[in-house]
Protein backbone atom coordinates (compact mmCIF):
# COMPACT_ATOMS: atom_id res chain seq x y z
CA MET A 1 -31.50 -5.30 -47.79
CA ASN A 2 -32.85 -5.84 -44.12
CA THR A 3 -35.12 -3.53 -42.79
CA TYR A 4 -35.31 -2.88 -39.06
CA ASP A 5 -37.15 -0.32 -36.69
CA ASP A 6 -35.03 1.32 -33.69
CA ILE A 7 -36.40 0.20 -30.17
CA LYS A 8 -35.18 2.85 -27.53
CA LEU A 9 -34.82 0.44 -24.34
CA PRO A 10 -33.86 2.93 -21.43
CA PRO A 11 -32.34 0.62 -18.62
CA ASN A 12 -34.29 0.20 -15.27
CA PRO A 13 -32.97 2.97 -13.01
CA ALA A 14 -33.00 1.21 -9.70
CA ARG A 15 -31.44 -1.50 -10.52
CA ILE A 16 -28.71 0.08 -12.77
CA MET A 17 -27.89 2.47 -9.81
CA GLU A 18 -27.89 -0.56 -7.24
CA GLY A 19 -25.99 -3.07 -10.09
CA LEU A 20 -23.50 -0.15 -10.09
CA ARG A 21 -22.59 -0.21 -6.27
CA ASP A 22 -20.83 -3.26 -6.83
CA THR A 23 -18.28 -2.17 -9.41
CA GLY A 24 -15.59 -3.02 -7.03
CA TYR A 25 -14.22 -0.04 -5.14
CA ASP A 26 -12.57 -0.26 -1.89
CA PHE A 27 -12.85 3.13 0.19
CA ASN A 28 -9.38 4.61 -0.56
CA THR A 29 -10.00 4.19 -4.67
CA ALA A 30 -13.32 5.38 -3.92
CA VAL A 31 -12.14 8.77 -2.22
CA ALA A 32 -9.29 9.23 -4.73
CA ASP A 33 -11.70 9.48 -7.57
CA ILE A 34 -13.40 12.35 -6.12
CA ILE A 35 -10.26 13.79 -5.15
CA ASP A 36 -8.99 13.38 -9.13
CA ASN A 37 -11.97 15.57 -9.89
CA SER A 38 -11.00 18.37 -7.21
CA ILE A 39 -7.34 18.44 -9.04
CA ALA A 40 -8.86 18.41 -12.49
CA ALA A 41 -10.75 21.27 -11.55
CA GLY A 42 -7.44 23.26 -11.30
CA ALA A 43 -7.67 22.66 -6.91
CA GLY A 44 -5.18 23.85 -4.54
CA LEU A 45 -6.92 22.61 -1.47
CA VAL A 46 -8.65 19.84 -0.58
CA ASN A 47 -10.38 19.11 2.31
CA VAL A 48 -12.15 15.67 3.33
CA ASP A 49 -13.98 15.20 6.67
CA ILE A 50 -15.51 11.94 8.00
CA SER A 51 -17.61 12.31 10.77
CA GLN A 52 -19.84 9.89 12.70
CA ASP A 53 -23.02 11.28 14.71
CA PRO A 54 -24.25 9.69 18.00
CA MET A 55 -26.75 7.90 16.38
CA GLY A 56 -23.59 6.33 14.12
CA ASP A 57 -24.15 7.82 11.11
CA ILE A 58 -21.42 8.84 9.08
CA THR A 59 -21.15 11.77 6.69
CA ILE A 60 -18.57 12.49 4.28
CA TYR A 61 -17.33 15.62 2.99
CA ILE A 62 -14.91 16.41 0.13
CA ALA A 63 -14.61 20.20 -0.72
CA ASP A 64 -12.25 22.15 -3.15
CA ASP A 65 -11.15 25.35 -4.45
CA GLY A 66 -10.81 24.48 -8.11
CA CYS A 67 -12.82 26.36 -11.09
CA GLY A 68 -16.07 25.15 -9.80
CA MET A 69 -19.38 24.24 -12.04
CA THR A 70 -22.24 26.38 -13.60
CA TYR A 71 -25.83 24.97 -13.06
CA ASP A 72 -25.23 23.28 -16.81
CA GLU A 73 -21.81 21.91 -16.00
CA LEU A 74 -22.89 20.07 -12.97
CA VAL A 75 -25.88 18.28 -14.86
CA ASN A 76 -23.28 17.09 -17.17
CA ALA A 77 -20.89 16.15 -14.18
CA MET A 78 -24.17 14.34 -12.29
CA CYS A 79 -24.95 12.01 -15.73
CA TYR A 80 -23.89 8.75 -15.89
CA GLY A 81 -21.13 8.60 -18.91
CA SER A 82 -20.73 12.65 -18.84
CA SER A 83 -19.14 14.38 -21.52
CA GLU A 84 -15.46 13.75 -22.14
CA ARG A 85 -13.33 16.34 -20.40
CA SER A 86 -11.76 18.62 -22.98
CA ASP A 87 -8.12 17.92 -21.15
CA PRO A 88 -7.03 14.32 -22.24
CA ALA A 89 -4.70 14.62 -19.69
CA SER A 90 -7.27 15.17 -16.89
CA LEU A 91 -7.02 12.48 -13.68
CA GLY A 92 -10.83 12.21 -14.44
CA LYS A 93 -11.09 9.57 -17.47
CA PHE A 94 -14.44 8.00 -17.73
CA GLY A 95 -17.03 10.20 -16.68
CA LEU A 96 -18.51 7.80 -14.47
CA GLY A 97 -16.10 8.03 -11.01
CA LEU A 98 -18.14 10.61 -9.42
CA LYS A 99 -21.33 8.47 -9.25
CA THR A 100 -19.99 4.99 -9.05
CA ALA A 101 -17.03 5.69 -6.61
CA SER A 102 -19.70 7.47 -4.37
CA THR A 103 -22.69 5.19 -4.61
CA ALA A 104 -20.21 2.15 -3.79
CA PHE A 105 -20.59 2.91 -0.39
CA CYS A 106 -23.43 5.95 0.21
CA ARG A 107 -27.18 5.95 -0.93
CA CYS A 108 -27.15 9.59 -1.32
CA LEU A 109 -24.55 11.74 -3.53
CA SER A 110 -25.11 15.41 -3.15
CA VAL A 111 -23.06 18.24 -5.07
CA ILE A 112 -22.64 21.71 -4.46
CA SER A 113 -20.85 24.03 -6.54
CA ARG A 114 -20.20 27.72 -7.35
CA GLY A 115 -18.80 28.10 -10.70
CA ALA A 116 -17.78 30.70 -12.84
CA ASP A 117 -21.27 32.14 -12.85
CA ASN A 118 -20.75 33.18 -8.95
CA LYS A 119 -24.35 31.07 -8.51
CA VAL A 120 -24.44 27.89 -6.42
CA ASN A 121 -26.11 24.90 -7.26
CA LYS A 122 -27.18 21.71 -5.50
CA LEU A 123 -27.71 18.40 -7.32
CA GLN A 124 -28.36 14.82 -5.86
CA TRP A 125 -28.83 11.38 -6.53
CA ASP A 126 -31.04 9.75 -3.73
CA ILE A 127 -30.90 5.71 -4.75
CA ASP A 128 -34.04 5.19 -2.17
CA TYR A 129 -35.55 8.15 -3.81
CA ILE A 130 -35.00 6.77 -7.33
CA VAL A 131 -36.26 3.36 -6.38
CA GLU A 132 -39.39 4.80 -4.99
CA LYS A 133 -40.00 7.18 -8.62
CA ASN A 134 -38.42 4.60 -10.96
CA ASP A 135 -36.92 6.69 -13.16
CA TRP A 136 -33.44 8.77 -13.54
CA ASN A 137 -35.22 11.60 -11.36
CA LEU A 138 -31.85 13.78 -10.39
CA ARG A 139 -33.35 16.41 -7.43
CA ARG A 140 -32.33 19.69 -7.69
CA MET A 141 -32.38 21.39 -4.71
CA ASP A 142 -31.22 24.62 -2.01
CA PRO A 143 -28.25 23.55 -0.51
CA ASP A 144 -28.34 24.18 3.53
CA SER A 145 -26.62 26.59 5.49
CA ASP A 146 -23.91 24.52 6.51
CA GLU A 147 -22.90 23.06 2.97
CA ILE A 148 -22.36 27.10 1.90
CA TYR A 149 -20.52 27.65 4.85
CA TYR A 150 -18.38 24.49 4.40
CA LEU A 151 -17.95 25.29 0.70
CA ASP A 152 -16.91 28.68 1.49
CA GLN A 153 -14.34 27.96 3.94
CA THR A 154 -12.42 25.73 1.25
CA ALA A 155 -13.27 28.15 -1.56
CA GLY A 156 -11.67 31.00 0.28
CA SER A 157 -10.66 33.98 -1.91
CA SER A 158 -11.11 32.10 -5.12
CA ASN A 159 -14.80 31.74 -4.53
CA THR A 160 -15.68 28.90 -6.34
CA GLY A 161 -15.13 25.50 -5.78
CA THR A 162 -16.91 22.23 -5.39
CA LEU A 163 -18.67 19.86 -2.17
CA VAL A 164 -19.26 16.61 -2.39
CA VAL A 165 -21.46 15.06 0.28
CA TRP A 166 -21.93 11.54 1.06
CA GLU A 167 -24.76 10.43 3.04
CA HIS A 168 -26.65 7.59 4.44
CA VAL A 169 -22.97 5.69 4.04
CA ASP A 170 -24.08 2.23 4.73
CA ARG A 171 -21.27 0.25 3.28
CA LEU A 172 -18.35 1.67 4.94
CA LEU A 173 -18.12 -0.50 8.27
CA GLN A 174 -19.21 -3.75 6.82
CA GLY A 175 -17.05 -6.96 5.98
CA ASP A 176 -14.91 -9.17 7.64
CA ASN A 177 -12.96 -6.29 9.14
CA ALA A 178 -16.18 -5.06 11.11
CA LYS A 179 -16.41 -8.53 13.25
CA ASN A 180 -15.33 -8.16 16.93
CA THR A 181 -14.57 -4.69 16.62
CA SER A 182 -16.17 -1.16 17.59
CA GLU A 183 -17.16 0.99 15.51
CA LYS A 184 -15.79 3.87 16.71
CA ALA A 185 -12.09 1.78 16.10
CA LEU A 186 -13.06 0.39 12.98
CA LEU A 187 -13.87 4.13 11.77
CA LYS A 188 -10.51 5.25 13.28
CA LYS A 189 -8.51 2.64 11.52
CA THR A 190 -10.51 3.34 8.27
CA ILE A 191 -9.57 6.98 8.35
CA GLU A 192 -5.89 6.30 9.05
CA GLN A 193 -5.60 3.81 6.20
CA LEU A 194 -7.08 6.43 4.00
CA GLU A 195 -4.56 9.16 4.68
CA PHE A 196 -1.65 6.97 3.89
CA HIS A 197 -3.07 6.02 0.74
CA ILE A 198 -3.82 9.58 -0.32
CA SER A 199 -0.35 10.42 0.72
CA MET A 200 0.98 7.46 -1.40
CA VAL A 201 -1.21 8.36 -4.65
CA TYR A 202 -0.71 11.82 -4.53
CA GLN A 203 2.78 11.94 -3.37
CA ARG A 204 3.84 14.43 -6.26
CA PHE A 205 1.23 16.84 -6.11
CA LEU A 206 1.80 16.95 -1.89
CA ASP A 207 5.20 17.39 -2.11
CA ASN A 208 6.16 21.11 -2.68
CA ASN A 209 9.60 20.29 -3.59
CA ASP A 210 8.59 17.80 -6.45
CA LYS A 211 8.10 19.85 -9.96
CA ARG A 212 6.67 17.30 -11.81
CA ALA A 213 2.91 18.15 -10.62
CA SER A 214 1.03 21.02 -9.40
CA ASP A 215 1.27 21.61 -5.56
CA VAL A 216 -2.23 20.81 -3.76
CA ILE A 217 -2.31 20.39 0.12
CA ILE A 218 -4.86 17.60 1.03
CA ASN A 219 -6.35 17.94 4.42
CA LEU A 220 -8.09 15.01 6.29
CA ASN A 221 -10.18 16.00 9.28
CA GLY A 222 -8.41 19.49 9.43
CA LYS A 223 -4.92 17.23 9.36
CA ARG A 224 -2.62 18.39 6.66
CA ILE A 225 -1.44 14.91 4.55
CA ARG A 226 2.14 15.03 4.04
CA ALA A 227 3.57 13.04 0.98
CA TRP A 228 4.86 9.46 1.32
CA ASP A 229 7.73 8.69 -0.97
CA PRO A 230 7.98 4.67 -1.69
CA PHE A 231 11.76 5.28 -3.12
CA CYS A 232 13.27 6.55 -0.02
CA THR A 233 15.05 8.87 -2.04
CA SER A 234 16.07 11.25 0.85
CA GLU A 235 17.97 8.10 2.51
CA GLU A 236 21.91 7.97 2.01
CA ASN A 237 21.89 4.59 1.69
CA THR A 238 18.80 3.95 -1.09
CA ARG A 239 20.49 3.20 -4.55
CA LEU A 240 19.31 4.56 -7.95
CA LEU A 241 19.75 1.16 -10.31
CA TYR A 242 17.61 2.26 -13.38
CA ASP A 243 16.83 5.20 -14.96
CA LYS A 244 15.75 5.68 -18.66
CA ASP A 245 13.03 6.72 -20.57
CA ILE A 246 11.84 4.11 -23.28
CA PRO A 247 10.08 5.55 -26.45
CA ILE A 248 6.99 3.57 -27.06
CA GLU A 249 5.64 2.89 -30.97
CA ILE A 250 2.44 4.54 -31.32
CA VAL A 251 0.88 3.62 -34.70
CA GLY A 252 0.32 6.59 -37.07
CA ARG A 253 3.31 8.72 -35.64
CA GLU A 254 6.28 9.34 -36.46
CA GLU A 255 9.06 7.72 -34.43
CA SER A 256 10.69 10.95 -33.11
CA GLU A 257 6.85 11.53 -31.74
CA TYR A 258 6.63 8.71 -29.61
CA PRO A 259 5.58 8.80 -26.37
CA GLU A 260 8.22 7.95 -23.27
CA LEU A 261 7.62 5.66 -20.85
CA GLN A 262 9.87 6.44 -17.64
CA ILE A 263 11.40 3.82 -15.92
CA LYS A 264 13.43 3.98 -12.45
CA ALA A 265 14.41 1.19 -10.03
CA TYR A 266 15.33 1.91 -6.68
CA LEU A 267 17.22 -0.55 -4.07
CA ILE A 268 15.70 0.81 -1.00
CA PRO A 269 17.75 0.18 2.46
CA ARG A 270 17.42 -2.58 4.84
CA ARG A 271 15.90 -1.63 7.94
CA ASP A 272 19.18 -1.67 10.17
CA GLU A 273 20.21 0.74 7.22
CA PHE A 274 18.17 3.78 7.61
CA SER A 275 19.13 7.16 9.09
CA THR A 276 16.53 6.66 11.92
CA ILE A 277 14.27 4.29 13.18
CA ALA A 278 11.09 6.43 12.40
CA ALA A 279 12.18 6.71 8.52
CA ALA A 280 12.68 2.83 8.56
CA THR A 281 9.24 2.64 9.91
CA ALA A 282 7.97 5.09 7.37
CA ALA A 283 9.21 3.39 4.57
CA LYS A 284 7.41 0.19 4.98
CA VAL A 285 9.95 -2.12 4.44
CA SER A 286 8.30 -5.65 3.90
CA SER A 287 7.63 -8.02 1.67
CA ASP A 288 4.48 -6.86 0.43
CA MET A 289 5.29 -3.09 -0.70
CA GLN A 290 8.03 -4.25 -3.32
CA GLY A 291 7.09 -4.25 -6.83
CA PHE A 292 6.04 -1.75 -9.27
CA TYR A 293 4.52 2.09 -8.46
CA ILE A 294 3.10 3.20 -11.98
CA TYR A 295 2.27 6.53 -12.20
CA ARG A 296 -0.40 8.20 -14.86
CA GLU A 297 -0.20 11.95 -15.35
CA ASN A 298 1.69 11.90 -11.80
CA ARG A 299 -0.94 10.22 -10.14
CA LEU A 300 -0.16 6.86 -8.56
CA ILE A 301 -2.41 4.55 -9.91
CA TYR A 302 -1.07 0.81 -9.27
CA TYR A 303 1.44 -0.38 -6.57
CA ALA A 304 3.42 -2.99 -4.78
CA ASP A 305 2.96 -5.64 -7.21
CA TRP A 306 4.78 -7.31 -9.87
CA MET A 307 1.99 -7.74 -12.53
CA GLY A 308 2.11 -11.23 -12.67
CA MET A 309 5.85 -11.12 -13.63
CA TYR A 310 7.02 -12.42 -10.15
CA GLN A 311 5.80 -13.54 -6.85
CA LYS A 312 6.61 -11.52 -4.37
CA GLU A 313 9.54 -13.14 -2.02
CA PRO A 314 11.99 -11.91 0.80
CA HIS A 315 14.81 -11.45 -1.94
CA GLY A 316 13.15 -8.75 -3.64
CA THR A 317 11.67 -6.84 -0.39
CA LEU A 318 14.14 -3.95 -1.24
CA LEU A 319 13.24 -3.63 -4.76
CA ARG A 320 10.71 -0.76 -6.10
CA VAL A 321 10.32 -0.06 -9.63
CA GLU A 322 9.26 3.54 -10.61
CA MET A 323 7.10 3.80 -14.01
CA SER A 324 5.56 6.80 -15.32
CA PHE A 325 3.74 7.92 -18.29
CA THR A 326 1.30 10.39 -19.51
CA HIS A 327 -2.42 10.26 -21.05
CA GLU A 328 -0.65 9.38 -24.27
CA LEU A 329 -0.06 5.90 -23.43
CA ASP A 330 -3.29 5.27 -21.89
CA ASP A 331 -4.59 2.65 -24.79
CA VAL A 332 -1.09 1.07 -24.13
CA PHE A 333 -1.70 0.52 -20.31
CA HIS A 334 -5.40 -0.15 -20.57
CA ILE A 335 -6.88 1.27 -17.27
CA ASP A 336 -9.47 0.15 -15.55
CA ILE A 337 -12.79 2.57 -14.89
CA LYS A 338 -11.12 2.97 -10.86
CA LYS A 339 -7.81 3.77 -11.99
CA SER A 340 -6.28 1.17 -9.70
CA LYS A 341 -5.56 -1.71 -12.29
CA ILE A 342 -3.72 -1.55 -15.27
CA THR A 343 -2.64 -4.06 -18.20
CA PRO A 344 -0.11 -3.43 -20.60
CA THR A 345 0.06 -5.14 -23.73
CA ASP A 346 1.99 -8.18 -24.28
CA SER A 347 4.74 -6.35 -26.08
CA ILE A 348 5.52 -4.07 -23.26
CA TYR A 349 4.89 -6.74 -20.44
CA VAL A 350 7.27 -8.88 -21.81
CA PHE A 351 10.09 -6.11 -22.60
CA ILE A 352 9.86 -5.09 -18.95
CA ARG A 353 9.75 -8.70 -17.57
CA ASP A 354 12.84 -9.99 -19.61
CA ASN A 355 14.83 -7.29 -20.41
CA ILE A 356 14.71 -4.70 -17.19
CA LEU A 357 13.66 -6.91 -14.15
CA PRO A 358 16.19 -9.79 -14.31
CA PRO A 359 19.73 -7.56 -13.82
CA LEU A 360 17.69 -5.53 -10.99
CA ARG A 361 16.17 -8.61 -9.49
CA ARG A 362 20.04 -10.00 -9.12
CA GLU A 363 21.11 -6.68 -7.45
CA ALA A 364 17.88 -6.61 -4.80
CA ASP A 365 18.99 -10.28 -4.16
CA ASP A 366 22.78 -9.58 -3.71
CA ARG A 367 21.61 -6.77 -1.20
CA TYR A 368 19.87 -9.28 0.70
CA ARG A 369 22.66 -11.60 1.01
CA LYS A 370 25.17 -9.18 1.66
CA GLY A 371 27.29 -9.64 4.44
CA THR A 372 27.92 -13.32 5.62
CA ARG A 373 31.33 -13.91 6.13
CA LYS A 374 32.79 -17.08 5.40
CA ALA A 375 34.85 -17.56 8.57
CA VAL A 376 31.88 -17.29 10.48
CA GLU A 377 29.54 -19.49 8.28
CA LYS A 378 32.58 -22.24 8.58
CA GLY A 379 32.57 -22.10 12.01
CA SER A 380 29.05 -22.26 12.75
CA GLN A 381 28.24 -25.71 10.94
CA GLY A 382 26.80 -27.63 13.85
CA ALA A 383 26.99 -25.36 16.34
CA HIS A 384 23.57 -24.77 16.99
CA ASP A 385 22.22 -28.75 17.26
CA ALA A 386 22.55 -28.89 21.03
CA ALA A 387 20.55 -25.91 21.49
CA ASP A 388 18.03 -27.21 18.99
CA ARG A 389 17.78 -30.18 21.14
CA SER A 390 17.16 -28.45 24.01
CA ILE A 391 14.84 -26.23 23.27
CA ASP A 392 12.59 -29.08 21.06
CA GLU A 393 12.71 -30.99 24.53
CA LYS A 394 10.96 -28.14 26.15
CA ALA A 395 9.14 -26.03 23.83
CA ALA A 396 5.61 -27.88 23.84
CA GLY A 397 5.46 -26.48 27.44
CA ILE A 398 6.28 -22.85 26.63
CA GLN A 399 4.31 -22.28 23.12
CA GLU A 400 1.29 -20.90 23.64
CA SER A 401 0.38 -19.94 20.14
CA GLN A 402 -0.82 -22.11 16.88
CA ILE A 403 0.12 -21.43 13.57
CA LYS A 404 -2.16 -22.94 10.77
CA VAL A 405 0.00 -22.67 6.94
CA VAL A 406 -2.52 -21.25 4.71
CA ASP A 407 -0.32 -21.14 1.65
CA LYS A 408 2.78 -22.63 1.69
CA LYS A 409 4.17 -20.44 -1.09
CA THR A 410 3.54 -16.88 -0.17
CA GLY A 411 3.96 -17.81 3.92
CA ALA A 412 0.35 -16.97 4.59
CA VAL A 413 -0.72 -18.50 8.29
CA ASP A 414 -3.42 -18.27 10.87
CA ILE A 415 -1.89 -17.18 14.02
CA THR A 416 -4.15 -18.11 17.22
CA ASN A 417 -3.02 -16.77 20.52
CA ASN A 418 -4.39 -14.90 23.52
CA SER A 419 -5.48 -12.11 21.24
CA GLY A 420 -7.69 -13.96 19.05
CA THR A 421 -6.65 -15.21 15.42
CA PHE A 422 -5.67 -13.20 12.87
CA ARG A 423 -3.66 -13.58 9.27
CA ASN A 424 -0.32 -12.80 8.97
CA HIS A 425 3.03 -13.82 6.86
CA ILE A 426 5.65 -15.60 7.85
CA VAL A 427 8.82 -17.49 6.70
CA ILE A 428 8.39 -21.41 6.38
CA HIS A 429 11.54 -23.43 6.05
CA GLU A 430 11.46 -27.28 4.91
CA SER A 431 11.60 -29.60 7.71
CA GLN A 432 15.20 -31.22 7.31
CA GLU A 433 15.03 -35.17 7.03
CA ASP A 434 18.19 -35.38 9.55
CA ASN A 435 15.36 -33.48 12.18
CA LYS A 436 18.35 -30.57 12.61
CA GLN A 437 17.43 -26.95 12.88
CA LYS A 438 13.62 -27.75 13.82
CA ARG A 439 14.43 -24.61 16.40
CA ILE A 440 17.25 -22.80 15.31
CA ILE A 441 17.67 -22.04 11.83
CA PRO A 442 20.83 -19.81 11.01
CA VAL A 443 20.35 -18.24 7.79
CA GLU A 444 22.53 -15.95 5.61
CA SER A 445 20.76 -12.70 6.16
CA ILE A 446 17.12 -11.32 6.92
CA ASP A 447 15.98 -8.78 4.58
CA ASP A 448 15.71 -5.79 6.99
CA GLY A 449 18.84 -6.21 8.69
CA LEU A 450 17.32 -7.98 11.69
CA LEU A 451 19.28 -10.12 13.97
CA TRP A 452 16.39 -12.56 14.57
CA ARG A 453 12.60 -13.20 13.60
CA PRO A 454 10.14 -15.88 14.46
CA CYS A 455 9.37 -18.83 11.85
CA ILE A 456 8.10 -21.87 11.31
CA THR A 457 8.86 -25.20 9.52
CA SER A 458 7.25 -26.52 7.07
CA ASP A 459 5.94 -29.70 9.41
CA GLY A 460 4.37 -26.84 12.08
CA GLU A 461 7.40 -26.32 14.52
CA HIS A 462 7.94 -22.94 15.78
CA ALA A 463 11.42 -21.99 14.78
CA VAL A 464 13.51 -18.68 14.80
CA GLU A 465 15.87 -17.50 12.69
CA ILE A 466 19.15 -15.95 13.49
CA ASN A 467 20.88 -13.87 10.65
CA MET A 468 24.70 -14.44 10.22
CA SER A 469 25.04 -11.78 8.61
CA HIS A 470 24.39 -9.53 11.97
CA PRO A 471 27.47 -7.75 13.65
CA PHE A 472 26.05 -9.16 16.96
CA TYR A 473 26.51 -13.02 15.05
CA GLN A 474 29.73 -12.27 13.69
CA LYS A 475 31.52 -10.77 16.66
CA ILE A 476 29.96 -12.48 19.55
CA TYR A 477 28.91 -15.98 18.37
CA SER A 478 32.15 -16.05 16.74
CA GLN A 479 33.70 -15.69 19.90
CA ILE A 480 31.45 -18.67 21.75
CA ILE A 481 30.68 -20.59 18.88
CA GLN A 482 32.42 -23.78 20.43
CA GLN A 483 31.18 -23.55 23.37
CA ASN A 484 27.73 -24.90 23.61
CA VAL A 485 26.08 -23.87 26.97
CA LEU A 486 27.03 -20.33 26.02
CA VAL A 487 25.34 -20.63 22.57
CA THR A 488 22.77 -22.71 23.95
CA GLY A 489 21.98 -19.66 26.15
CA LEU A 490 21.68 -16.78 23.44
CA ASP A 491 19.81 -19.38 21.09
CA SER A 492 17.07 -20.01 24.06
CA LEU A 493 16.93 -16.18 24.49
CA LEU A 494 16.26 -15.36 20.59
CA TRP A 495 13.77 -18.64 20.46
CA VAL A 496 11.84 -17.57 23.39
CA LEU A 497 11.53 -13.77 22.23
CA GLY A 498 10.12 -14.78 18.75
CA GLU A 499 7.79 -17.44 20.50
CA GLY A 500 6.95 -14.11 22.90
CA GLU A 501 5.96 -12.50 19.88
CA LEU A 502 3.92 -15.12 18.35
CA SER A 503 2.12 -15.52 21.49
CA THR A 504 0.80 -12.22 21.96
CA VAL A 505 0.68 -10.52 18.42
CA ASN A 506 -2.27 -9.51 16.91
CA GLU A 507 -3.07 -7.10 13.82
CA ARG A 508 -2.56 -4.04 15.80
CA THR A 509 0.92 -5.13 17.48
CA LYS A 510 2.40 -6.59 14.64
CA GLU A 511 4.02 -3.58 13.33
CA GLN A 512 5.41 -2.77 17.05
CA PHE A 513 6.66 -5.83 17.34
CA GLU A 514 8.60 -5.43 13.89
CA ASP A 515 9.67 -1.96 15.07
CA VAL A 516 11.12 -3.60 18.27
CA ARG A 517 13.33 -5.88 16.67
CA ALA A 518 14.76 -3.58 14.36
CA TYR A 519 15.88 -1.35 17.49
CA VAL A 520 17.37 -3.82 19.30
CA SER A 521 18.89 -5.28 15.97
CA ARG A 522 20.11 -1.83 15.20
CA GLY A 523 21.25 -0.94 18.90
CA LEU A 524 23.35 -4.36 18.89
CA LYS A 525 25.11 -3.46 15.74
CA LYS A 526 26.26 -0.05 17.19
CA LEU A 527 27.35 -1.65 20.38
CA VAL A 528 29.60 -4.47 18.86
CA ALA A 529 31.00 -2.11 16.50
CA ASP A 530 34.29 -1.71 18.17
CA LEU A 531 34.57 -5.24 19.14
CA PRO A 532 37.24 -7.49 17.32
CA ASP A 533 36.34 -9.06 13.97
CA PRO A 534 35.19 -12.33 13.29
CA GLU A 535 38.44 -13.13 11.59
CA GLU A 536 40.38 -12.26 14.41
CA GLY A 537 38.25 -13.83 16.89
CA LEU A 538 38.29 -17.06 15.08
CA ASP A 539 42.38 -16.96 14.54
CA GLU A 540 43.34 -17.05 18.33
């Protein structure tokens, strides 16, 4: 029989704290982790304030009117690996988020809380102080008057609540995004991105009409955040393709007690099918936003991705699949510490991929391609060749942008123009051996209902797609399709609009260009609505 001695080997506090700063949090998920704790504490109000003083130092306050904490409860909350919550449905899950999320961006974390005993306590982790003392020295301090004021303003009549303060924020305005960008502009963009993230992640809590979650008001720098619905359920042209609750087998439980995985699939409208331009813009209709939207206890934990089941491609742009489950399925989905990634078991993964998604993807593909009429398609064969040749002869003297393909499969490119160089995604068409359709590329449809959009060929030629399903093409082009001069004129106009976009667009304006194309395409659709249908024009 082996004998042994226990050796206590506590970790080096400074190295552990510095190391845990690199657990992979981005700023949005870090702030959301703190908000999770507020909601778990029963908060009805959460205030997030991000400020920068004249010296450039950033301070972040996150306060709530939840149940707060007594001194002993606060000590437990500040412990790395705090005691498990009594409610397994709590949004707080691992007992690490408060610390790791905070110190991922700041070197000094303070928590001020007033609990059921009506006493205010403040505890602080200061990494620089830990390094100096080389020990796990959690500091107990007196809150200052500003902290008390801020806590009281949020707590209101409930009197209880918690304030989380991030100081010495040293990692927020760093990385590639900080290059050639002023701190003021970068901080503004960061706050805007956080606002959207909160509106999406806590949609069910922010929407007073959604009864699946408790009502919570979240303010960011004094502005109330409104819920963002990825499924566009208020739009008339949104289609619900699938709606089932699927029991998931849990070992040791009776079949009647299996927890359910709720799955809904929505086909959102194309841009031109939305009720208003503002609604289309807010819906963020793009290939990047397709995929699963997965909710644990009504909180979005994973979004806009197919979990490796499929690649994102234009034909799936309009398909968004909602999956919801409770804490009872945590072991089935293996949620990571940041609550931003999941790994479902093989059986669930295969079932969803092979049994649920295929018909949904076919529906999305059909809607994407819908609208092309055979008469127009037949009449268009070869109709753009003259325009293509004319544009190709003069294109070199007009183009003011350079496009470098980064990933041909995803359409990732680097665009260099007068505004600089930035990463974007663009449709890449295979170059044809007969050298036709180098500049003008008629297509069956464009996913968002646009009349045109810039694209490139695989050998780098700047081109423009023209949507043969658009009413302007069907009703106007069909009337002039055999008249080379008129077709060349219209084709040249659309090509130069596309080239103008490529020559001037940047990261800040790319959505504005998309909105302009959507606006013009929608307007043209309305203007030609009363003109003869293409069959009538072709028969004359």
